[in-house]
Amino acid sequence: MGIYSKLNRPIIIAEYDPQWPLLFEQERKRIEAVLGNEAIRFEHIGSTAIPGLAAKAAIDIAIGIQRLEMASKYIPKLESLGYIYEPTFEALLPERRFFWKGTPMVHTYHIHMAEVGSPLWVKPIMFRDYLRRHPDEAQRYSELKKSLAERWVNDMDAYVEGKTDFVEGVLEKAAQEAGYTGVV
C-alpha cells in the first residue's frame, strides 16, 4: 500500500464547474479570517484552478508561509474550520503540510501548506499557469485523468502514479518557458 492509500475513496472526475474559482475565494476568506496575516499568500492550484479542465471536485488551496516550523500553530486554527490534518503525507513530502475538508469519501477542499519560494510552492503554480496558457495540454491532461479514474477508480496510488509522467513533462516545459535551467 502506498502513501495515498489513506485517501482511498472512489475517484470521480467531474467536468469543469465555473463555480470552483468562487468556492476557492470564499474558502480563502474563511481561512484568512482565522490565520490573520500569518499566511503570506493563497493560491488556487490543482485542476479546479484551470478553466475547462475536468477534476476531482475538491478545491486545492496552496497556503504560503514564511517558515514551515510555523505550520504547527496553524493546525488548530484550520481544524476549527473543519479541516483534518494529515501528518502521514510528511513521509512523502516533509516540506509540505496537508489538510482536507469534507467527508472521508468526498473531500471538498485540500490545503497544501509550504514555504513561499520552495519547490512545493512553486511547482503547482507553474503547472497551473502552464496549463492555463496551453488549453491543448490541459485537454490532454483532462483525458488522461478520466482514463485513469476509470481504470483505477478505487486506487488513489495508481491514479496518482499514472499522472506522474505527464505532470513532470509539463513542469519541464513550464521551466523551459520561464527560462529555468536548474532541476524542476
Protein backbone atom coordinates (compact mmCIF):
# COMPACT_ATOMS: atom_id res chain seq x y z
CA MET A 1 0.00 0.00 0.00
CA GLY A 2 1.29 3.42 -0.94
CA ILE A 3 1.13 6.76 0.79
CA TYR A 4 -2.08 7.82 -0.96
CA SER A 5 -4.00 4.72 0.19
CA LYS A 6 -5.01 6.75 3.26
CA LEU A 7 -7.08 8.87 0.87
CA ASN A 8 -8.56 5.91 -0.99
CA ARG A 9 -12.08 6.70 -2.00
CA PRO A 10 -13.81 6.38 -5.34
CA ILE A 11 -12.10 8.65 -7.86
CA ILE A 12 -14.81 10.66 -9.57
CA ILE A 13 -13.83 13.15 -12.25
CA ALA A 14 -16.31 15.98 -12.82
CA GLU A 15 -16.48 18.31 -15.79
CA TYR A 16 -15.21 21.83 -15.14
CA ASP A 17 -17.50 23.95 -12.96
CA PRO A 18 -17.19 27.75 -13.23
CA GLN A 19 -18.17 27.92 -9.53
CA TRP A 20 -14.80 26.44 -8.49
CA PRO A 21 -12.89 29.77 -8.51
CA LEU A 22 -15.71 31.34 -6.48
CA LEU A 23 -15.62 28.48 -3.96
CA PHE A 24 -11.86 28.96 -3.67
CA GLU A 25 -12.29 32.67 -2.99
CA GLN A 26 -15.00 32.09 -0.35
CA GLU A 27 -12.89 29.47 1.44
CA ARG A 28 -9.75 31.62 1.19
CA LYS A 29 -11.59 34.39 3.05
CA ARG A 30 -12.65 31.95 5.80
CA ILE A 31 -9.09 30.69 6.18
CA GLU A 32 -7.65 34.18 6.13
CA ALA A 33 -10.08 35.16 8.90
CA VAL A 34 -8.65 32.50 11.25
CA LEU A 35 -5.00 32.81 10.21
CA GLY A 36 -4.98 36.59 10.03
CA ASN A 37 -1.90 37.97 8.34
CA GLU A 38 0.19 34.93 9.33
CA ALA A 39 -0.18 33.33 5.89
CA ILE A 40 1.78 35.18 3.24
CA ARG A 41 -0.06 34.01 0.13
CA PHE A 42 -3.00 31.97 -1.05
CA GLU A 43 -3.17 30.34 -4.48
CA HIS A 44 -5.88 28.30 -6.15
CA ILE A 45 -3.98 25.31 -7.55
CA GLY A 46 -4.83 21.91 -8.96
CA SER A 47 -7.26 21.05 -11.71
CA THR A 48 -10.16 23.10 -10.33
CA ALA A 49 -8.00 26.20 -10.94
CA ILE A 50 -7.71 25.56 -14.69
CA PRO A 51 -10.69 26.71 -16.80
CA GLY A 52 -12.22 23.86 -18.79
CA LEU A 53 -10.28 21.09 -17.03
CA ALA A 54 -12.13 18.10 -15.61
CA ALA A 55 -11.21 17.41 -11.99
CA LYS A 56 -11.89 15.60 -8.78
CA ALA A 57 -14.14 18.33 -7.41
CA ALA A 58 -12.01 19.17 -4.37
CA ILE A 59 -10.69 22.73 -4.39
CA ASP A 60 -6.91 22.74 -3.86
CA ILE A 61 -5.61 25.71 -1.89
CA ALA A 62 -1.91 26.46 -1.54
CA ILE A 63 -1.10 28.44 1.57
CA GLY A 64 2.32 30.01 1.52
CA ILE A 65 4.01 30.63 4.84
CA GLN A 66 7.36 32.14 5.78
CA ARG A 67 8.79 29.14 7.66
CA LEU A 68 7.42 25.60 7.78
CA GLU A 69 8.14 25.41 11.52
CA MET A 70 5.26 27.86 11.96
CA ALA A 71 2.77 25.37 10.50
CA SER A 72 2.13 23.58 13.80
CA LYS A 73 0.45 26.66 15.28
CA TYR A 74 -1.92 26.83 12.29
CA ILE A 75 -3.22 23.27 12.70
CA PRO A 76 -5.81 24.04 15.45
CA LYS A 77 -6.93 27.16 13.59
CA LEU A 78 -7.59 25.17 10.42
CA GLU A 79 -9.21 22.35 12.41
CA SER A 80 -11.64 24.95 13.78
CA LEU A 81 -12.87 25.34 10.17
CA GLY A 82 -13.42 21.59 9.81
CA TYR A 83 -10.07 20.66 8.24
CA ILE A 84 -8.39 17.35 9.01
CA TYR A 85 -4.60 17.48 9.28
CA GLU A 86 -2.85 14.51 7.62
CA PRO A 87 0.69 14.17 9.02
CA THR A 88 1.05 10.83 7.17
CA PHE A 89 1.97 12.68 3.98
CA GLU A 90 5.02 14.27 5.55
CA ALA A 91 6.79 10.93 4.99
CA LEU A 92 6.49 11.59 1.25
CA LEU A 93 6.75 15.38 1.25
CA PRO A 94 8.31 16.61 4.51
CA GLU A 95 8.33 20.22 3.24
CA ARG A 96 4.52 20.32 2.97
CA ARG A 97 1.62 20.14 5.38
CA PHE A 98 -1.61 18.64 4.03
CA PHE A 99 -5.20 19.14 5.24
CA TRP A 100 -8.57 18.11 3.84
CA LYS A 101 -12.16 19.10 4.48
CA GLY A 102 -15.36 17.21 3.74
CA THR A 103 -16.08 13.57 4.48
CA PRO A 104 -13.65 10.67 4.14
CA MET A 105 -15.41 9.68 0.91
CA VAL A 106 -15.96 13.18 -0.54
CA HIS A 107 -13.32 15.82 0.01
CA THR A 108 -14.42 19.37 -0.73
CA TYR A 109 -11.14 21.21 -0.05
CA HIS A 110 -7.45 20.38 0.22
CA ILE A 111 -4.84 22.65 1.76
CA HIS A 112 -1.19 22.33 0.73
CA MET A 113 0.91 24.44 3.11
CA ALA A 114 4.51 25.14 2.14
CA GLU A 115 7.15 27.83 2.38
CA VAL A 116 6.75 30.53 -0.26
CA GLY A 117 9.50 30.07 -2.82
CA SER A 118 10.10 26.39 -2.03
CA PRO A 119 9.72 23.80 -4.82
CA LEU A 120 6.46 22.59 -3.26
CA TRP A 121 5.13 26.14 -3.51
CA VAL A 122 6.46 26.93 -6.99
CA LYS A 123 5.75 23.70 -8.89
CA PRO A 124 1.94 23.58 -8.51
CA ILE A 125 1.73 27.23 -9.57
CA MET A 126 3.98 26.63 -12.59
CA PHE A 127 1.87 23.59 -13.53
CA ARG A 128 -1.39 25.55 -13.21
CA ASP A 129 -0.11 28.54 -15.14
CA TYR A 130 1.30 26.40 -17.96
CA LEU A 131 -2.00 24.56 -18.44
CA ARG A 132 -3.89 27.85 -18.35
CA ARG A 133 -1.67 29.11 -21.19
CA HIS A 134 -1.88 25.84 -23.14
CA PRO A 135 -5.50 24.64 -23.32
CA ASP A 136 -4.50 21.81 -25.67
CA GLU A 137 -2.24 20.38 -22.96
CA ALA A 138 -5.00 20.91 -20.39
CA GLN A 139 -7.34 18.89 -22.60
CA ARG A 140 -4.78 16.07 -22.83
CA TYR A 141 -4.46 16.11 -19.05
CA SER A 142 -8.24 16.02 -18.67
CA GLU A 143 -8.50 12.95 -20.91
CA LEU A 144 -5.65 11.23 -19.05
CA LYS A 145 -7.34 11.85 -15.69
CA LYS A 146 -10.66 10.47 -16.94
CA SER A 147 -8.96 7.37 -18.33
CA LEU A 148 -7.00 6.76 -15.12
CA ALA A 149 -10.09 7.30 -12.97
CA GLU A 150 -11.99 4.68 -14.98
CA ARG A 151 -9.15 2.21 -14.70
CA TRP A 152 -8.18 2.88 -11.07
CA VAL A 153 -11.49 4.07 -9.58
CA ASN A 154 -10.60 2.79 -6.09
CA ASP A 155 -6.80 3.04 -6.17
CA MET A 156 -5.54 6.56 -5.45
CA ASP A 157 -1.89 5.44 -5.52
CA ALA A 158 -2.23 4.04 -9.06
CA TYR A 159 -4.20 7.10 -10.19
CA VAL A 160 -1.51 9.49 -8.90
CA GLU A 161 1.30 7.35 -10.33
CA GLY A 162 -0.44 7.30 -13.70
CA LYS A 163 -0.32 11.10 -13.86
CA THR A 164 3.35 11.41 -12.87
CA ASP A 165 4.98 11.37 -16.32
CA PHE A 166 2.51 13.91 -17.69
CA VAL A 167 2.94 16.24 -14.69
CA GLU A 168 6.73 16.02 -14.84
CA GLY A 169 6.66 16.71 -18.59
CA VAL A 170 4.51 19.81 -18.10
CA LEU A 171 6.80 21.05 -15.33
CA GLU A 172 9.81 20.66 -17.65
CA LYS A 173 8.05 22.62 -20.41
CA ALA A 174 6.95 25.29 -17.94
CA ALA A 175 10.51 25.63 -16.65
CA GLN A 176 11.83 25.97 -20.21
CA GLU A 177 9.24 28.65 -21.00
CA ALA A 178 10.23 30.51 -17.85
CA GLY A 179 13.93 30.21 -18.64
CA TYR A 180 14.81 27.97 -15.69
CA THR A 181 17.91 25.92 -16.29
CA GLY A 182 18.00 24.03 -12.99
CA VAL A 183 16.18 20.89 -11.94
CA VAL A 184 12.42 21.25 -11.69
